[in-house]
């Protein structure tokens, strides 16, 4: 069952891979562009997601690299290629669930990027 809308109190920015651009050294630079819509209100489970939560979302498989669980209104553009930014932090989406396949709530397992 979907959480109450009031629990979606964190506004994050969603980005998807953009075109690859050449750099001056002859290599390539990965670029990012906003997903449409790019602002997404969600609940962020902190402390990081528990193994039990990851197992229930991951179909019986614990996705060990996941650090947080995000829940929000259904967003059809979110994929495992999506990147989430929140207060200067970056998280890569590693798994997306459309809860009950009803297009009501998206649940994401994400891994925070530590630079």
Protein backbone atom coordinates (compact mmCIF):
# COMPACT_ATOMS: atom_id res chain seq x y z
CA UNK A 1 0.00 0.00 0.00
CA UNK A 2 1.26 3.47 -0.86
CA UNK A 3 2.47 5.77 1.91
CA UNK A 4 0.59 8.94 2.72
CA UNK A 5 1.54 11.86 0.46
CA UNK A 6 2.82 13.81 3.49
CA UNK A 7 5.61 11.29 3.91
CA UNK A 8 7.04 12.31 0.51
CA UNK A 9 8.79 15.30 2.08
CA UNK A 10 12.17 15.15 0.32
CA UNK A 11 12.46 16.82 -3.09
CA UNK A 12 15.16 15.17 -5.18
CA UNK A 13 16.37 15.83 -8.71
CA UNK A 14 16.27 13.04 -11.28
CA UNK A 15 18.75 12.89 -14.15
CA UNK A 16 19.32 10.52 -17.04
CA UNK A 17 22.44 9.94 -19.15
CA UNK A 18 22.93 12.59 -21.81
CA UNK A 19 25.08 12.59 -24.90
CA UNK A 20 28.70 11.55 -24.58
CA UNK A 21 31.02 14.51 -25.24
CA UNK A 22 34.65 14.41 -26.33
CA UNK A 23 37.23 15.97 -24.05
CA UNK A 24 40.46 17.82 -25.03
CA UNK A 25 42.58 14.74 -24.30
CA UNK A 26 40.77 12.60 -26.89
CA UNK A 27 38.62 10.77 -24.35
CA UNK A 28 34.94 10.95 -23.54
CA UNK A 29 32.99 12.65 -20.78
CA UNK A 30 29.66 11.36 -19.53
CA UNK A 31 26.99 14.07 -19.33
CA UNK A 32 23.67 14.11 -17.51
CA UNK A 33 20.38 15.79 -18.40
CA UNK A 34 17.23 16.32 -16.34
CA UNK A 35 14.56 13.66 -16.50
CA UNK A 36 11.12 14.99 -17.38
CA UNK A 37 9.86 15.93 -14.84
CA UNK A 38 13.13 16.23 -12.94
CA UNK A 39 11.79 17.13 -9.48
CA UNK A 40 10.43 14.16 -7.54
CA UNK A 41 9.00 14.24 -4.03
CA UNK A 42 9.82 11.10 -2.09
CA UNK A 43 10.44 9.49 1.26
CA UNK A 44 14.08 8.59 1.92
CA UNK A 45 14.57 5.78 4.39
CA UNK A 46 17.40 6.76 6.69
CA UNK A 47 19.30 5.10 8.21
CA UNK A 48 20.10 3.22 5.03
CA UNK A 49 17.78 0.50 3.82
CA UNK A 50 17.70 -2.68 5.87
CA UNK A 51 18.46 -6.06 4.25
CA UNK A 52 14.87 -7.15 4.94
CA UNK A 53 13.54 -4.15 2.94
CA UNK A 54 15.96 -4.76 0.09
CA UNK A 55 15.02 -8.43 -0.04
CA UNK A 56 11.28 -7.71 -0.19
CA UNK A 57 11.77 -5.20 -3.03
CA UNK A 58 14.45 -7.22 -4.85
CA UNK A 59 12.30 -10.33 -5.24
CA UNK A 60 14.02 -12.42 -2.56
CA UNK A 61 17.52 -11.27 -3.48
CA UNK A 62 19.42 -8.90 -1.20
CA UNK A 63 21.05 -6.22 -3.33
CA UNK A 64 24.06 -5.60 -1.10
CA UNK A 65 25.24 -2.40 -2.80
CA UNK A 66 21.98 -0.57 -2.03
CA UNK A 67 22.32 2.12 0.63
CA UNK A 68 18.89 3.78 0.73
CA UNK A 69 15.27 3.09 -0.12
CA UNK A 70 13.25 5.88 -1.81
CA UNK A 71 9.47 5.88 -2.24
CA UNK A 72 7.36 8.38 -4.17
CA UNK A 73 4.52 8.78 -6.61
CA UNK A 74 4.88 6.68 -9.72
CA UNK A 75 7.31 8.15 -12.27
CA UNK A 76 7.41 6.26 -15.59
CA UNK A 77 10.81 7.67 -16.61
CA UNK A 78 12.87 6.30 -13.72
CA UNK A 79 15.11 3.38 -14.73
CA UNK A 80 18.28 1.72 -13.47
CA UNK A 81 20.13 4.33 -15.60
CA UNK A 82 18.71 7.22 -13.54
CA UNK A 83 20.76 9.28 -11.08
CA UNK A 84 19.26 11.01 -8.02
CA UNK A 85 20.71 14.13 -6.42
CA UNK A 86 19.70 15.42 -3.01
CA UNK A 87 21.39 18.17 -0.98
CA UNK A 88 24.69 17.78 -2.81
CA UNK A 89 24.65 13.98 -2.58
CA UNK A 90 24.45 11.68 -5.60
CA UNK A 91 22.80 8.26 -5.68
CA UNK A 92 22.62 5.79 -8.55
CA UNK A 93 19.38 3.87 -9.01
CA UNK A 94 20.10 0.16 -8.98
CA UNK A 95 16.54 -1.19 -8.88
CA UNK A 96 13.08 0.25 -9.61
CA UNK A 97 9.78 -1.29 -8.52
CA UNK A 98 6.31 -0.24 -9.63
CA UNK A 99 4.51 -1.26 -6.46
CA UNK A 100 1.72 -3.72 -7.27
CA UNK A 101 2.12 -2.77 -10.98
CA UNK A 102 -0.59 -0.14 -10.44
CA UNK A 103 1.34 2.97 -11.56
CA UNK A 104 0.73 4.58 -8.16
CA UNK A 105 4.07 4.35 -6.35
CA UNK A 106 7.70 3.93 -7.43
CA UNK A 107 10.12 2.33 -5.00
CA UNK A 108 13.84 2.73 -5.68
CA UNK A 109 16.88 1.03 -4.26
CA UNK A 110 19.81 3.41 -4.65
CA UNK A 111 23.52 3.36 -3.95
CA UNK A 112 25.10 6.58 -2.73
CA UNK A 113 28.16 7.63 -4.72
CA UNK A 114 31.09 8.32 -2.44
CA UNK A 115 33.70 10.44 -4.21
